[in-house]
Protein backbone atom coordinates (compact mmCIF):
# COMPACT_ATOMS: atom_id res chain seq x y z
CA UNK A 1 -6.74 7.46 16.08
CA UNK A 2 -6.07 7.30 12.34
CA UNK A 3 -2.44 6.31 12.89
CA UNK A 4 -3.56 3.61 15.31
CA UNK A 5 -5.96 2.26 12.70
CA UNK A 6 -3.20 2.18 10.07
CA UNK A 7 -0.96 0.29 12.52
CA UNK A 8 -3.83 -2.13 13.20
CA UNK A 9 -4.18 -2.74 9.45
CA UNK A 10 -0.41 -3.30 9.20
CA UNK A 11 -0.59 -5.89 11.96
CA UNK A 12 -3.51 -7.67 10.27
CA UNK A 13 -1.71 -7.70 6.91
CA UNK A 14 1.56 -8.94 8.46
CA UNK A 15 -0.15 -11.71 10.41
CA UNK A 16 -2.40 -12.86 7.57
CA UNK A 17 -1.92 -16.44 6.44
CA UNK A 18 -1.40 -17.31 2.83
CA UNK A 19 -2.66 -20.75 1.97
CA UNK A 20 -3.20 -21.15 -1.75
CA UNK A 21 -4.61 -24.64 -1.19
CA UNK A 22 -7.46 -23.26 0.90
CA UNK A 23 -9.13 -21.72 -2.15
CA UNK A 24 -11.56 -24.44 -3.16
CA UNK A 25 -14.16 -22.49 -5.05
CA UNK A 26 -13.99 -20.80 -8.40
CA UNK A 27 -14.37 -17.05 -7.94
CA UNK A 28 -17.21 -15.36 -9.77
CA UNK A 29 -16.04 -13.59 -12.88
CA UNK A 30 -17.14 -9.99 -12.98
CA UNK A 31 -19.00 -8.80 -16.02
CA UNK A 32 -18.57 -5.56 -17.94
CA UNK A 33 -21.70 -4.24 -16.20
CA UNK A 34 -20.19 -4.99 -12.76
CA UNK A 35 -17.01 -3.13 -13.65
CA UNK A 36 -18.88 -0.17 -15.14
CA UNK A 37 -21.06 0.23 -12.06
CA UNK A 38 -18.03 0.00 -9.76
CA UNK A 39 -16.21 2.61 -11.84
CA UNK A 40 -19.16 5.00 -12.00
CA UNK A 41 -19.83 4.67 -8.26
CA UNK A 42 -16.15 5.04 -7.31
CA UNK A 43 -15.67 8.47 -5.72
CA UNK A 44 -11.87 8.17 -5.83
CA UNK A 45 -11.56 9.57 -9.34
CA UNK A 46 -13.52 12.72 -8.54
CA UNK A 47 -11.94 13.15 -5.10
CA UNK A 48 -8.46 12.82 -6.58
CA UNK A 49 -8.97 14.87 -9.73
CA UNK A 50 -11.12 17.73 -8.42
CA UNK A 51 -8.34 19.34 -6.33
CA UNK A 52 -5.89 18.89 -9.19
CA UNK A 53 -8.18 20.58 -11.72
CA UNK A 54 -9.33 23.38 -9.40
CA UNK A 55 -6.17 24.15 -7.41
CA UNK A 56 -3.03 22.67 -8.94
CA UNK A 57 -3.74 23.39 -12.61
CA UNK A 58 -4.50 27.10 -12.04
CA UNK A 59 -1.49 27.38 -9.70
CA UNK A 60 0.66 26.01 -12.55
CA UNK A 61 -0.71 28.68 -14.91
CA UNK A 62 -3.14 26.40 -16.74
CA UNK A 63 -6.27 28.45 -17.51
CA UNK A 64 -9.02 28.74 -20.12
CA UNK A 65 -9.23 26.25 -22.95
CA UNK A 66 -5.96 24.57 -21.99
CA UNK A 67 -7.52 23.80 -18.57
CA UNK A 68 -10.29 21.93 -20.39
CA UNK A 69 -7.80 19.83 -22.37
CA UNK A 70 -5.64 19.09 -19.32
CA UNK A 71 -8.77 18.14 -17.34
CA UNK A 72 -9.95 15.81 -20.13
CA UNK A 73 -6.53 14.13 -20.13
CA UNK A 74 -6.65 13.76 -16.36
CA UNK A 75 -10.17 12.30 -16.58
CA UNK A 76 -9.02 9.79 -19.21
CA UNK A 77 -6.15 8.71 -16.95
CA UNK A 78 -8.47 8.41 -13.94
CA UNK A 79 -10.99 6.39 -15.96
CA UNK A 80 -8.29 4.14 -17.43
CA UNK A 81 -6.71 3.30 -14.07
CA UNK A 82 -9.07 0.41 -13.21
CA UNK A 83 -8.45 -1.10 -16.64
CA UNK A 84 -4.71 -1.06 -16.07
CA UNK A 85 -5.21 -2.57 -12.59
CA UNK A 86 -7.32 -5.38 -14.07
CA UNK A 87 -4.78 -6.10 -16.81
CA UNK A 88 -1.86 -6.09 -14.38
CA UNK A 89 -3.79 -8.31 -11.98
CA UNK A 90 -4.60 -10.79 -14.74
CA UNK A 91 -0.98 -10.97 -15.91
CA UNK A 92 0.81 -10.88 -12.57
CA UNK A 93 -1.80 -12.87 -10.66
CA UNK A 94 -1.26 -15.94 -12.80
CA UNK A 95 2.48 -15.86 -12.16
CA UNK A 96 2.30 -15.52 -8.39
CA UNK A 97 1.94 -19.05 -7.15
CA UNK A 98 4.54 -19.09 -4.39
CA UNK A 99 3.19 -18.60 -0.86
CA UNK A 100 6.61 -17.28 0.19
CA UNK A 101 6.49 -14.57 -2.46
CA UNK A 102 2.95 -13.59 -1.46
CA UNK A 103 3.97 -13.50 2.22
CA UNK A 104 6.90 -11.27 1.24
CA UNK A 105 4.49 -8.87 -0.50
CA UNK A 106 2.25 -8.87 2.58
CA UNK A 107 5.17 -8.08 4.87
CA UNK A 108 6.37 -5.33 2.53
CA UNK A 109 2.87 -3.80 2.51
CA UNK A 110 2.71 -4.03 6.29
CA UNK A 111 6.08 -2.29 6.59
CA UNK A 112 4.88 0.48 4.27
CA UNK A 113 1.72 0.90 6.36
CA UNK A 114 3.83 1.22 9.52
CA UNK A 115 6.01 3.82 7.77
CA UNK A 116 2.92 5.79 6.69
CA UNK A 117 1.47 5.69 10.22
CA UNK A 118 4.74 6.90 11.74
CA UNK A 119 5.15 9.64 9.14
CA UNK A 120 1.57 10.89 9.53
CA UNK A 121 1.83 10.74 13.31
CA UNK A 122 5.08 12.69 13.31
CA UNK A 123 4.19 15.33 10.72
CA UNK A 124 0.52 15.90 11.52
CA UNK A 125 0.32 15.12 15.25
CA UNK A 126 3.69 15.38 16.96
CA UNK A 127 5.07 18.48 15.21
CA UNK A 128 1.87 20.57 15.68
CA UNK A 129 1.65 19.49 19.32
CA UNK A 130 5.32 20.24 19.94
CA UNK A 131 5.12 23.66 18.31
CA UNK A 132 1.87 24.55 20.09
CA UNK A 133 -0.02 25.26 16.86
CA UNK A 134 -2.52 22.45 17.25
């Protein structure tokens, strides 16, 4: 079902229309408070960093005080990610004015989604079913 949903998303992204002239309103600018609340309520940082700090760091021989420093570095990177996304979006977003270029990005993203769906379906559904270990 998950692979089917990913394929559905790929289809929606590939078929989406890009009409830059259709944007007639000025988007609301987010404030610092909006960004802070989104960052603090975002579970992605904890979901991504918790397995790294609890499983991968000890497996790599990182223990004790060094685990604390590595975890603080990882937390700083996780917290700084939205800032880098915002800066890249501000810089790149102003330069992307061609509908053809945006359509190309959409098609590339759709192709990547199809690839992910096929890969997940093969590795996590087909292979276990074929080997009888499902």
